Amino acid sequence: MSRIDLFLIGLALANLHAFVRFWQDKRAAKAGHRRTPEATLLTAALFGGFGAWLGQHLLRHKTRKEPFRTELGLVILIHLAAVAGIVWWLLSGWMPSDLQALQSPTNSR
């Protein structure tokens, strides 16, 4: 499995986790139980932005609450920029020279 495959699997799992966190919080809100802290939801969104966005919109959860709505939007933008950068890095094959030295066989004759 390539590095990009592993990254995409991890990204899919992070998105699923973020969606589930929003679903659990929505369920707790309806039942009057203890809620998930907003900081936890925002952290989940940092790693699984699309899942968090889907959770917010499909479940209609925290769509009117400010400043959470704005903060979530900013976190998702950071997530998208980070994902784009990581994908570019993985596809370009660029690697710092220290890491390249570890991957290439040494000619110690």
PDB file of N, CA and C in Angstrom:
ATOM      1  N   MET A   1       0.841  -1.171   0.000  1.00  0.00           N
ATOM      2  CA  MET A   1       0.000   0.000   0.000  1.00  0.00           C
ATOM      3  C   MET A   1       0.893   1.243   0.000  1.00  0.00           C
ATOM      4  N   SER A   2       0.537   2.208  -0.820  1.00  0.00           N
ATOM      5  CA  SER A   2       1.355   3.413  -0.919  1.00  0.00           C
ATOM      6  C   SER A   2       1.037   4.392   0.217  1.00  0.00           C
ATOM      7  N   ARG A   3       1.884   5.403   0.329  1.00  0.00           N
ATOM      8  CA  ARG A   3       1.680   6.424   1.360  1.00  0.00           C
ATOM      9  C   ARG A   3       0.371   7.175   1.139  1.00  0.00           C
ATOM     10  N   ILE A   4       0.038   7.430  -0.128  1.00  0.00           N
ATOM     11  CA  ILE A   4      -1.203   8.164  -0.407  1.00  0.00           C
ATOM     12  C   ILE A   4      -2.418   7.315  -0.032  1.00  0.00           C
ATOM     13  N   ASP A   5      -2.336   5.997  -0.268  1.00  0.00           N
ATOM     14  CA  ASP A   5      -3.435   5.107   0.133  1.00  0.00           C
ATOM     15  C   ASP A   5      -3.633   5.143   1.642  1.00  0.00           C
ATOM     16  N   LEU A   6      -2.553   5.048   2.377  1.00  0.00           N
ATOM     17  CA  LEU A   6      -2.639   5.084   3.840  1.00  0.00           C
ATOM     18  C   LEU A   6      -3.195   6.412   4.326  1.00  0.00           C
ATOM     19  N   PHE A   7      -2.761   7.496   3.692  1.00  0.00           N
ATOM     20  CA  PHE A   7      -3.267   8.813   4.068  1.00  0.00           C
ATOM     21  C   PHE A   7      -4.773   8.907   3.816  1.00  0.00           C
ATOM     22  N   LEU A   8      -5.222   8.433   2.659  1.00  0.00           N
ATOM     23  CA  LEU A   8      -6.646   8.514   2.334  1.00  0.00           C
ATOM     24  C   LEU A   8      -7.495   7.644   3.258  1.00  0.00           C
ATOM     25  N   ILE A   9      -6.987   6.491   3.653  1.00  0.00           N
ATOM     26  CA  ILE A   9      -7.709   5.644   4.615  1.00  0.00           C
ATOM     27  C   ILE A   9      -7.810   6.369   5.956  1.00  0.00           C
ATOM     28  N   GLY A  10      -6.704   6.952   6.397  1.00  0.00           N
ATOM     29  CA  GLY A  10      -6.723   7.713   7.653  1.00  0.00           C
ATOM     30  C   GLY A  10      -7.664   8.894   7.583  1.00  0.00           C
ATOM     31  N   LEU A  11      -7.677   9.568   6.454  1.00  0.00           N
ATOM     32  CA  LEU A  11      -8.571  10.719   6.263  1.00  0.00           C
ATOM     33  C   LEU A  11     -10.032  10.281   6.298  1.00  0.00           C
ATOM     34  N   ALA A  12     -10.345   9.162   5.655  1.00  0.00           N
ATOM     35  CA  ALA A  12     -11.717   8.645   5.672  1.00  0.00           C
ATOM     36  C   ALA A  12     -12.148   8.292   7.096  1.00  0.00           C
ATOM     37  N   LEU A  13     -11.249   7.669   7.850  1.00  0.00           N
ATOM     38  CA  LEU A  13     -11.572   7.320   9.242  1.00  0.00           C
ATOM     39  C   LEU A  13     -11.764   8.569  10.098  1.00  0.00           C
ATOM     40  N   ALA A  14     -10.938   9.588   9.876  1.00  0.00           N
ATOM     41  CA  ALA A  14     -11.074  10.841  10.622  1.00  0.00           C
ATOM     42  C   ALA A  14     -12.407  11.524  10.295  1.00  0.00           C
ATOM     43  N   ASN A  15     -12.814  11.473   9.035  1.00  0.00           N
ATOM     44  CA  ASN A  15     -14.100  12.060   8.644  1.00  0.00           C
ATOM     45  C   ASN A  15     -15.259  11.296   9.264  1.00  0.00           C
ATOM     46  N   LEU A  16     -15.173   9.983   9.287  1.00  0.00           N
ATOM     47  CA  LEU A  16     -16.202   9.173   9.923  1.00  0.00           C
ATOM     48  C   LEU A  16     -16.280   9.486  11.414  1.00  0.00           C
ATOM     49  N   HIS A  17     -15.125   9.600  12.057  1.00  0.00           N
ATOM     50  CA  HIS A  17     -15.076   9.925  13.483  1.00  0.00           C
ATOM     51  C   HIS A  17     -15.731  11.282  13.757  1.00  0.00           C
ATOM     52  N   ALA A  18     -15.424  12.275  12.930  1.00  0.00           N
ATOM     53  CA  ALA A  18     -16.002  13.606  13.125  1.00  0.00           C
ATOM     54  C   ALA A  18     -17.523  13.566  12.964  1.00  0.00           C
ATOM     55  N   PHE A  19     -17.995  12.853  11.952  1.00  0.00           N
ATOM     56  CA  PHE A  19     -19.441  12.745  11.752  1.00  0.00           C
ATOM     57  C   PHE A  19     -20.105  12.085  12.955  1.00  0.00           C
ATOM     58  N   VAL A  20     -19.510  11.008  13.443  1.00  0.00           N
ATOM     59  CA  VAL A  20     -20.070  10.291  14.592  1.00  0.00           C
ATOM     60  C   VAL A  20     -20.098  11.195  15.825  1.00  0.00           C
ATOM     61  N   ARG A  21     -19.057  12.010  16.020  1.00  0.00           N
ATOM     62  CA  ARG A  21     -19.052  12.925  17.179  1.00  0.00           C
ATOM     63  C   ARG A  21     -20.214  13.909  17.101  1.00  0.00           C
ATOM     64  N   PHE A  22     -20.480  14.458  15.907  1.00  0.00           N
ATOM     65  CA  PHE A  22     -21.612  15.377  15.741  1.00  0.00           C
ATOM     66  C   PHE A  22     -22.930  14.639  15.968  1.00  0.00           C
ATOM     67  N   TRP A  23     -23.048  13.404  15.474  1.00  0.00           N
ATOM     68  CA  TRP A  23     -24.253  12.613  15.654  1.00  0.00           C
ATOM     69  C   TRP A  23     -24.492  12.332  17.135  1.00  0.00           C
ATOM     70  N   GLN A  24     -23.420  11.952  17.858  1.00  0.00           N
ATOM     71  CA  GLN A  24     -23.558  11.668  19.296  1.00  0.00           C
ATOM     72  C   GLN A  24     -23.986  12.920  20.060  1.00  0.00           C
ATOM     73  N   ASP A  25     -23.421  14.066  19.694  1.00  0.00           N
ATOM     74  CA  ASP A  25     -23.779  15.299  20.392  1.00  0.00           C
ATOM     75  C   ASP A  25     -25.223  15.693  20.091  1.00  0.00           C
ATOM     76  N   LYS A  26     -25.651  15.504  18.861  1.00  0.00           N
ATOM     77  CA  LYS A  26     -27.041  15.809  18.505  1.00  0.00           C
ATOM     78  C   LYS A  26     -27.995  14.910  19.289  1.00  0.00           C
ATOM     79  N   ARG A  27     -27.648  13.638  19.382  1.00  0.00           N
ATOM     80  CA  ARG A  27     -28.468  12.684  20.143  1.00  0.00           C
ATOM     81  C   ARG A  27     -28.524  13.061  21.624  1.00  0.00           C
ATOM     82  N   ALA A  28     -27.374  13.453  22.178  1.00  0.00           N
ATOM     83  CA  ALA A  28     -27.326  13.861  23.588  1.00  0.00           C
ATOM     84  C   ALA A  28     -28.150  15.126  23.811  1.00  0.00           C
ATOM     85  N   ALA A  29     -28.106  16.053  22.842  1.00  0.00           N
ATOM     86  CA  ALA A  29     -28.880  17.293  22.968  1.00  0.00           C
ATOM     87  C   ALA A  29     -30.383  16.992  23.003  1.00  0.00           C
ATOM     88  N   LYS A  30     -30.829  16.097  22.137  1.00  0.00           N
ATOM     89  CA  LYS A  30     -32.250  15.751  22.100  1.00  0.00           C
ATOM     90  C   LYS A  30     -32.688  15.046  23.383  1.00  0.00           C
ATOM     91  N   ALA A  31     -31.804  14.218  23.937  1.00  0.00           N
ATOM     92  CA  ALA A  31     -32.144  13.431  25.133  1.00  0.00           C
ATOM     93  C   ALA A  31     -31.906  14.203  26.424  1.00  0.00           C
ATOM     94  N   GLY A  32     -31.279  15.382  26.332  1.00  0.00           N
ATOM     95  CA  GLY A  32     -30.994  16.165  27.527  1.00  0.00           C
ATOM     96  C   GLY A  32     -29.828  15.622  28.342  1.00  0.00           C
ATOM     97  N   HIS A  33     -28.956  14.865  27.705  1.00  0.00           N
ATOM     98  CA  HIS A  33     -27.782  14.305  28.377  1.00  0.00           C
ATOM     99  C   HIS A  33     -26.575  15.228  28.253  1.00  0.00           C
ATOM    100  N   ARG A  34     -25.486  14.781  28.872  1.00  0.00           N
ATOM    101  CA  ARG A  34     -24.236  15.557  28.839  1.00  0.00           C
ATOM    102  C   ARG A  34     -23.754  15.697  27.397  1.00  0.00           C
ATOM    103  N   ARG A  35     -23.369  16.938  27.041  1.00  0.00           N
ATOM    104  CA  ARG A  35     -22.997  17.270  25.672  1.00  0.00           C
ATOM    105  C   ARG A  35     -21.500  17.153  25.457  1.00  0.00           C
ATOM    106  N   THR A  36     -21.118  17.020  24.198  1.00  0.00           N
ATOM    107  CA  THR A  36     -19.720  17.023  23.799  1.00  0.00           C
ATOM    108  C   THR A  36     -19.241  18.469  23.795  1.00  0.00           C
ATOM    109  N   PRO A  37     -18.087  18.758  24.421  1.00  0.00           N
ATOM    110  CA  PRO A  37     -17.583  20.137  24.391  1.00  0.00           C
ATOM    111  C   PRO A  37     -17.323  20.608  22.956  1.00  0.00           C
ATOM    112  N   GLU A  38     -17.577  21.890  22.724  1.00  0.00           N
ATOM    113  CA  GLU A  38     -17.357  22.439  21.391  1.00  0.00           C
ATOM    114  C   GLU A  38     -15.912  22.289  20.954  1.00  0.00           C
ATOM    115  N   ALA A  39     -14.979  22.413  21.892  1.00  0.00           N
ATOM    116  CA  ALA A  39     -13.561  22.253  21.541  1.00  0.00           C
ATOM    117  C   ALA A  39     -13.287  20.856  21.000  1.00  0.00           C
ATOM    118  N   THR A  40     -13.975  19.860  21.521  1.00  0.00           N
ATOM    119  CA  THR A  40     -13.807  18.491  21.034  1.00  0.00           C
ATOM    120  C   THR A  40     -14.355  18.359  19.612  1.00  0.00           C
ATOM    121  N   LEU A  41     -15.498  18.975  19.366  1.00  0.00           N
ATOM    122  CA  LEU A  41     -16.068  18.939  18.013  1.00  0.00           C
ATOM    123  C   LEU A  41     -15.171  19.667  17.018  1.00  0.00           C
ATOM    124  N   LEU A  42     -14.594  20.785  17.434  1.00  0.00           N
ATOM    125  CA  LEU A  42     -13.698  21.534  16.542  1.00  0.00           C
ATOM    126  C   LEU A  42     -12.408  20.762  16.275  1.00  0.00           C
ATOM    127  N   THR A  43     -11.906  20.046  17.278  1.00  0.00           N
ATOM    128  CA  THR A  43     -10.713  19.231  17.077  1.00  0.00           C
ATOM    129  C   THR A  43     -11.016  18.091  16.106  1.00  0.00           C
ATOM    130  N   ALA A  44     -12.167  17.470  16.257  1.00  0.00           N
ATOM    131  CA  ALA A  44     -12.567  16.414  15.314  1.00  0.00           C
ATOM    132  C   ALA A  44     -12.662  16.982  13.904  1.00  0.00           C
ATOM    133  N   ALA A  45     -13.164  18.207  13.784  1.00  0.00           N
ATOM    134  CA  ALA A  45     -13.277  18.854  12.476  1.00  0.00           C
ATOM    135  C   ALA A  45     -11.914  19.182  11.880  1.00  0.00           C
ATOM    136  N   LEU A  46     -10.934  19.440  12.717  1.00  0.00           N
ATOM    137  CA  LEU A  46      -9.593  19.740  12.206  1.00  0.00           C
ATOM    138  C   LEU A  46      -9.032  18.550  11.445  1.00  0.00           C
ATOM    139  N   PHE A  47      -9.329  17.346  11.907  1.00  0.00           N
ATOM    140  CA  PHE A  47      -8.818  16.146  11.259  1.00  0.00           C
ATOM    141  C   PHE A  47      -9.807  15.550  10.260  1.00  0.00           C
ATOM    142  N   GLY A  48     -11.089  15.756  10.472  1.00  0.00           N
ATOM    143  CA  GLY A  48     -12.121  15.212   9.593  1.00  0.00           C
ATOM    144  C   GLY A  48     -13.112  16.275   9.187  1.00  0.00           C
ATOM    145  N   GLY A  49     -12.649  17.244   8.445  1.00  0.00           N
ATOM    146  CA  GLY A  49     -13.455  18.417   8.105  1.00  0.00           C
ATOM    147  C   GLY A  49     -14.730  18.121   7.346  1.00  0.00           C
ATOM    148  N   PHE A  50     -14.651  17.265   6.335  1.00  0.00           N
ATOM    149  CA  PHE A  50     -15.842  16.976   5.544  1.00  0.00           C
ATOM    150  C   PHE A  50     -16.875  16.231   6.378  1.00  0.00           C
ATOM    151  N   GLY A  51     -16.431  15.303   7.209  1.00  0.00           N
ATOM    152  CA  GLY A  51     -17.350  14.575   8.087  1.00  0.00           C
ATOM    153  C   GLY A  51     -18.039  15.508   9.071  1.00  0.00           C
ATOM    154  N   ALA A  52     -17.289  16.479   9.597  1.00  0.00           N
ATOM    155  CA  ALA A  52     -17.875  17.457  10.519  1.00  0.00           C
ATOM    156  C   ALA A  52     -18.889  18.330   9.793  1.00  0.00           C
ATOM    157  N   TRP A  53     -18.544  18.761   8.594  1.00  0.00           N
ATOM    158  CA  TRP A  53     -19.453  19.598   7.809  1.00  0.00           C
ATOM    159  C   TRP A  53     -20.733  18.826   7.494  1.00  0.00           C
ATOM    160  N   LEU A  54     -20.583  17.558   7.071  1.00  0.00           N
ATOM    161  CA  LEU A  54     -21.761  16.732   6.806  1.00  0.00           C
ATOM    162  C   LEU A  54     -22.597  16.546   8.061  1.00  0.00           C
ATOM    163  N   GLY A  55     -21.927  16.290   9.180  1.00  0.00           N
ATOM    164  CA  GLY A  55     -22.637  16.119  10.438  1.00  0.00           C
ATOM    165  C   GLY A  55     -23.426  17.355  10.814  1.00  0.00           C
ATOM    166  N   GLN A  56     -22.823  18.504  10.620  1.00  0.00           N
ATOM    167  CA  GLN A  56     -23.519  19.746  10.957  1.00  0.00           C
ATOM    168  C   GLN A  56     -24.739  19.951  10.058  1.00  0.00           C
ATOM    169  N   HIS A  57     -24.562  19.731   8.769  1.00  0.00           N
ATOM    170  CA  HIS A  57     -25.637  20.057   7.836  1.00  0.00           C
ATOM    171  C   HIS A  57     -26.701  18.959   7.710  1.00  0.00           C
ATOM    172  N   LEU A  58     -26.291  17.708   7.627  1.00  0.00           N
ATOM    173  CA  LEU A  58     -27.291  16.646   7.504  1.00  0.00           C
ATOM    174  C   LEU A  58     -28.100  16.467   8.782  1.00  0.00           C
ATOM    175  N   LEU A  59     -27.432  16.631   9.920  1.00  0.00           N
ATOM    176  CA  LEU A  59     -28.117  16.472  11.196  1.00  0.00           C
ATOM    177  C   LEU A  59     -28.748  17.771  11.696  1.00  0.00           C
ATOM    178  N   ARG A  60     -28.482  18.853  10.991  1.00  0.00           N
ATOM    179  CA  ARG A  60     -28.935  20.196  11.394  1.00  0.00           C
ATOM    180  C   ARG A  60     -28.532  20.472  12.837  1.00  0.00           C
ATOM    181  N   HIS A  61     -27.235  20.315  13.067  1.00  0.00           N
ATOM    182  CA  HIS A  61     -26.709  20.441  14.421  1.00  0.00           C
ATOM    183  C   HIS A  61     -25.763  21.634  14.508  1.00  0.00           C
ATOM    184  N   LYS A  62     -26.071  22.549  15.394  1.00  0.00           N
ATOM    185  CA  LYS A  62     -25.279  23.752  15.643  1.00  0.00           C
ATOM    186  C   LYS A  62     -25.140  24.620  14.383  1.00  0.00           C
ATOM    187  N   THR A  63     -26.184  24.669  13.590  1.00  0.00           N
ATOM    188  CA  THR A  63     -26.127  25.462  12.361  1.00  0.00           C
ATOM    189  C   THR A  63     -26.394  26.941  12.610  1.00  0.00           C
ATOM    190  N   ARG A  64     -27.028  27.278  13.738  1.00  0.00           N
ATOM    191  CA  ARG A  64     -27.322  28.680  14.034  1.00  0.00           C
ATOM    192  C   ARG A  64     -26.515  29.227  15.189  1.00  0.00           C
ATOM    193  N   LYS A  65     -25.742  28.386  15.852  1.00  0.00           N
ATOM    194  CA  LYS A  65     -25.030  28.820  17.051  1.00  0.00           C
ATOM    195  C   LYS A  65     -23.729  29.539  16.682  1.00  0.00           C
ATOM    196  N   GLU A  66     -23.667  30.799  17.025  1.00  0.00           N
ATOM    197  CA  GLU A  66     -22.437  31.580  16.847  1.00  0.00           C
ATOM    198  C   GLU A  66     -21.760  31.688  18.198  1.00  0.00           C
ATOM    199  N   PRO A  67     -20.469  31.717  18.315  1.00  0.00           N
ATOM    200  CA  PRO A  67     -19.469  31.770  17.247  1.00  0.00           C
ATOM    201  C   PRO A  67     -19.049  30.389  16.732  1.00  0.00           C
ATOM    202  N   PHE A  68     -19.705  29.310  17.200  1.00  0.00           N
ATOM    203  CA  PHE A  68     -19.294  27.965  16.788  1.00  0.00           C
ATOM    204  C   PHE A  68     -19.346  27.800  15.279  1.00  0.00           C
ATOM    205  N   ARG A  69     -20.393  28.290  14.647  1.00  0.00           N
ATOM    206  CA  ARG A  69     -20.541  28.129  13.200  1.00  0.00           C
ATOM    207  C   ARG A  69     -19.365  28.751  12.448  1.00  0.00           C
ATOM    208  N   THR A  70     -18.968  29.953  12.858  1.00  0.00           N
ATOM    209  CA  THR A  70     -17.839  30.623  12.219  1.00  0.00           C
ATOM    210  C   THR A  70     -16.530  29.897  12.516  1.00  0.00           C
ATOM    211  N   GLU A  71     -16.359  29.476  13.768  1.00  0.00           N
ATOM    212  CA  GLU A  71     -15.144  28.756  14.149  1.00  0.00           C
ATOM    213  C   GLU A  71     -15.026  27.451  13.374  1.00  0.00           C
ATOM    214  N   LEU A  72     -16.142  26.748  13.202  1.00  0.00           N
ATOM    215  CA  LEU A  72     -16.121  25.503  12.447  1.00  0.00           C
ATOM    216  C   LEU A  72     -15.722  25.763  10.998  1.00  0.00           C
ATOM    217  N   GLY A  73     -16.246  26.816  10.422  1.00  0.00           N
ATOM    218  CA  GLY A  73     -15.865  27.171   9.049  1.00  0.00           C
ATOM    219  C   GLY A  73     -14.376  27.429   8.914  1.00  0.00           C
ATOM    220  N   LEU A  74     -13.801  28.148   9.875  1.00  0.00           N
ATOM    221  CA  LEU A  74     -12.360  28.420   9.837  1.00  0.00           C
ATOM    222  C   LEU A  74     -11.538  27.140  10.020  1.00  0.00           C
ATOM    223  N   VAL A  75     -11.971  26.285  10.931  1.00  0.00           N
ATOM    224  CA  VAL A  75     -11.263  25.023  11.160  1.00  0.00           C
ATOM    225  C   VAL A  75     -11.319  24.154   9.902  1.00  0.00           C
ATOM    226  N   ILE A  76     -12.457  24.132   9.229  1.00  0.00           N
ATOM    227  CA  ILE A  76     -12.580  23.337   8.009  1.00  0.00           C
ATOM    228  C   ILE A  76     -11.689  23.908   6.912  1.00  0.00           C
ATOM    229  N   LEU A  77     -11.564  25.218   6.822  1.00  0.00           N
ATOM    230  CA  LEU A  77     -10.641  25.817   5.847  1.00  0.00           C
ATOM    231  C   LEU A  77      -9.194  25.419   6.141  1.00  0.00           C
ATOM    232  N   ILE A  78      -8.823  25.420   7.402  1.00  0.00           N
ATOM    233  CA  ILE A  78      -7.476  24.986   7.786  1.00  0.00           C
ATOM    234  C   ILE A  78      -7.291  23.518   7.421  1.00  0.00           C
ATOM    235  N   HIS A  79      -8.312  22.712   7.691  1.00  0.00           N
ATOM    236  CA  HIS A  79      -8.266  21.286   7.350  1.00  0.00           C
ATOM    237  C   HIS A  79      -8.048  21.099   5.847  1.00  0.00           C
ATOM    238  N   LEU A  80      -8.820  21.807   5.032  1.00  0.00           N
ATOM    239  CA  LEU A  80      -8.702  21.674   3.582  1.00  0.00           C
ATOM    240  C   LEU A  80      -7.320  22.083   3.081  1.00  0.00           C
ATOM    241  N   ALA A  81      -6.785  23.171   3.637  1.00  0.00           N
ATOM    242  CA  ALA A  81      -5.442  23.609   3.238  1.00  0.00           C
ATOM    243  C   ALA A  81      -4.399  22.562   3.629  1.00  0.00           C
ATOM    244  N   ALA A  82      -4.536  21.994   4.819  1.00  0.00           N
ATOM    245  CA  ALA A  82      -3.587  20.974   5.271  1.00  0.00           C
ATOM    246  C   ALA A  82      -3.685  19.721   4.405  1.00  0.00           C
ATOM    247  N   VAL A  83      -4.897  19.285   4.095  1.00  0.00           N
ATOM    248  CA  VAL A  83      -5.070  18.100   3.250  1.00  0.00           C
ATOM    249  C   VAL A  83      -4.477  18.348   1.871  1.00  0.00           C
ATOM    250  N   ALA A  84      -4.732  19.518   1.297  1.00  0.00           N
ATOM    251  CA  ALA A  84      -4.168  19.840  -0.017  1.00  0.00           C
ATOM    252  C   ALA A  84      -2.642  19.809   0.031  1.00  0.00           C
ATOM    253  N   GLY A  85      -2.061  20.379   1.081  1.00  0.00           N
ATOM    254  CA  GLY A  85      -0.610  20.374   1.211  1.00  0.00           C
ATOM    255  C   GLY A  85      -0.042  18.976   1.371  1.00  0.00           C
ATOM    256  N   ILE A  86      -0.696  18.157   2.162  1.00  0.00           N
ATOM    257  CA  ILE A  86      -0.215  16.786   2.367  1.00  0.00           C
ATOM    258  C   ILE A  86      -0.337  15.974   1.079  1.00  0.00           C
ATOM    259  N   VAL A  87      -1.454  16.108   0.370  1.00  0.00           N
ATOM    260  CA  VAL A  87      -1.625  15.387  -0.889  1.00  0.00           C
ATOM    261  C   VAL A  87      -0.576  15.842  -1.893  1.00  0.00           C
ATOM    262  N   TRP A  88      -0.334  17.142  -1.988  1.00  0.00           N
ATOM    263  CA  TRP A  88       0.696  17.640  -2.898  1.00  0.00           C
ATOM    264  C   TRP A  88       2.053  17.038  -2.534  1.00  0.00           C
ATOM    265  N   TRP A  89       2.369  17.039  -1.243  1.00  0.00           N
ATOM    266  CA  TRP A  89       3.640  16.501  -0.787  1.00  0.00           C
ATOM    267  C   TRP A  89       3.764  15.015  -1.123  1.00  0.00           C
ATOM    268  N   LEU A  90       2.705  14.251  -0.885  1.00  0.00           N
ATOM    269  CA  LEU A  90       2.746  12.818  -1.153  1.00  0.00           C
ATOM    270  C   LEU A  90       2.850  12.517  -2.650  1.00  0.00           C
ATOM    271  N   LEU A  91       2.150  13.282  -3.468  1.00  0.00           N
ATOM    272  CA  LEU A  91       2.176  13.036  -4.909  1.00  0.00           C
ATOM    273  C   LEU A  91       3.427  13.561  -5.590  1.00  0.00           C
ATOM    274  N   SER A  92       4.019  14.604  -5.024  1.00  0.00           N
ATOM    275  CA  SER A  92       5.208  15.187  -5.661  1.00  0.00           C
ATOM    276  C   SER A  92       6.460  14.376  -5.395  1.00  0.00           C
ATOM    277  N   GLY A  93       6.429  13.571  -4.354  1.00  0.00           N
ATOM    278  CA  GLY A  93       7.612  12.786  -4.027  1.00  0.00           C
ATOM    279  C   GLY A  93       8.684  13.597  -3.334  1.00  0.00           C
ATOM    280  N   TRP A  94       8.392  14.870  -3.035  1.00  0.00           N
ATOM    281  CA  TRP A  94       9.370  15.706  -2.354  1.00  0.00           C
ATOM    282  C   TRP A  94       9.576  15.191  -0.945  1.00  0.00           C
ATOM    283  N   MET A  95      10.828  15.191  -0.541  1.00  0.00           N
ATOM    284  CA  MET A  95      11.143  14.714   0.795  1.00  0.00           C
ATOM    285  C   MET A  95      12.409  15.437   1.262  1.00  0.00           C
ATOM    286  N   PRO A  96      12.452  15.869   2.515  1.00  0.00           N
ATOM    287  CA  PRO A  96      13.669  16.506   3.010  1.00  0.00           C
ATOM    288  C   PRO A  96      14.867  15.572   2.845  1.00  0.00           C
ATOM    289  N   SER A  97      16.027  16.163   2.658  1.00  0.00           N
ATOM    290  CA  SER A  97      17.229  15.369   2.381  1.00  0.00           C
ATOM    291  C   SER A  97      17.540  14.373   3.492  1.00  0.00           C
ATOM    292  N   ASP A  98      17.227  14.708   4.738  1.00  0.00           N
ATOM    293  CA  ASP A  98      17.482  13.774   5.838  1.00  0.00           C
ATOM    294  C   ASP A  98      16.653  12.509   5.685  1.00  0.00           C
ATOM    295  N   LEU A  99      15.399  12.654   5.263  1.00  0.00           N
ATOM    296  CA  LEU A  99      14.550  11.486   5.074  1.00  0.00           C
ATOM    297  C   LEU A  99      14.947  10.707   3.832  1.00  0.00           C
ATOM    298  N   GLN A 100      15.396  11.411   2.776  1.00  0.00           N
ATOM    299  CA  GLN A 100      15.851  10.729   1.575  1.00  0.00           C
ATOM    300  C   GLN A 100      17.068   9.863   1.878  1.00  0.00           C
ATOM    301  N   ALA A 101      17.949  10.372   2.735  1.00  0.00           N
ATOM    302  CA  ALA A 101      19.141   9.601   3.096  1.00  0.00           C
ATOM    303  C   ALA A 101      18.757   8.319   3.828  1.00  0.00           C
ATOM    304  N   LEU A 102      17.703   8.376   4.609  1.00  0.00           N
ATOM    305  CA  LEU A 102      17.250   7.170   5.306  1.00  0.00           C
ATOM    306  C   LEU A 102      16.632   6.155   4.372  1.00  0.00           C
ATOM    307  N   GLN A 103      15.995   6.620   3.296  1.00  0.00           N
ATOM    308  CA  GLN A 103      15.336   5.706   2.359  1.00  0.00           C
ATOM    309  C   GLN A 103      16.287   5.119   1.343  1.00  0.00           C
ATOM    310  N   SER A 104      17.285   5.874   0.915  1.00  0.00           N
ATOM    311  CA  SER A 104      18.165   5.362  -0.130  1.00  0.00           C
ATOM    312  C   SER A 104      19.256   4.494   0.480  1.00  0.00           C
ATOM    313  N   PRO A 105      19.629   3.436  -0.226  1.00  0.00           N
ATOM    314  CA  PRO A 105      20.691   2.566   0.298  1.00  0.00           C
ATOM    315  C   PRO A 105      22.030   3.306   0.282  1.00  0.00           C
ATOM    316  N   THR A 106      22.808   3.068   1.305  1.00  0.00           N
ATOM    317  CA  THR A 106      24.102   3.746   1.396  1.00  0.00           C
ATOM    318  C   THR A 106      25.164   2.907   0.712  1.00  0.00           C
ATOM    319  N   ASN A 107      26.064   3.595   0.081  1.00  0.00           N
ATOM    320  CA  ASN A 107      27.188   2.931  -0.595  1.00  0.00           C
ATOM    321  C   ASN A 107      28.405   3.051   0.301  1.00  0.00           C
ATOM    322  N   SER A 108      28.540   2.183   1.234  1.00  0.00           N
ATOM    323  CA  SER A 108      29.662   2.251   2.172  1.00  0.00           C
ATOM    324  C   SER A 108      30.678   1.172   1.838  1.00  0.00           C
ATOM    325  N   ARG A 109      31.441   1.413   0.787  1.00  0.00           N
ATOM    326  CA  ARG A 109      32.481   0.453   0.394  1.00  0.00           C
ATOM    327  C   ARG A 109      33.832   0.936   0.759  1.00  0.00           C
TER     328      ARG A 109
END
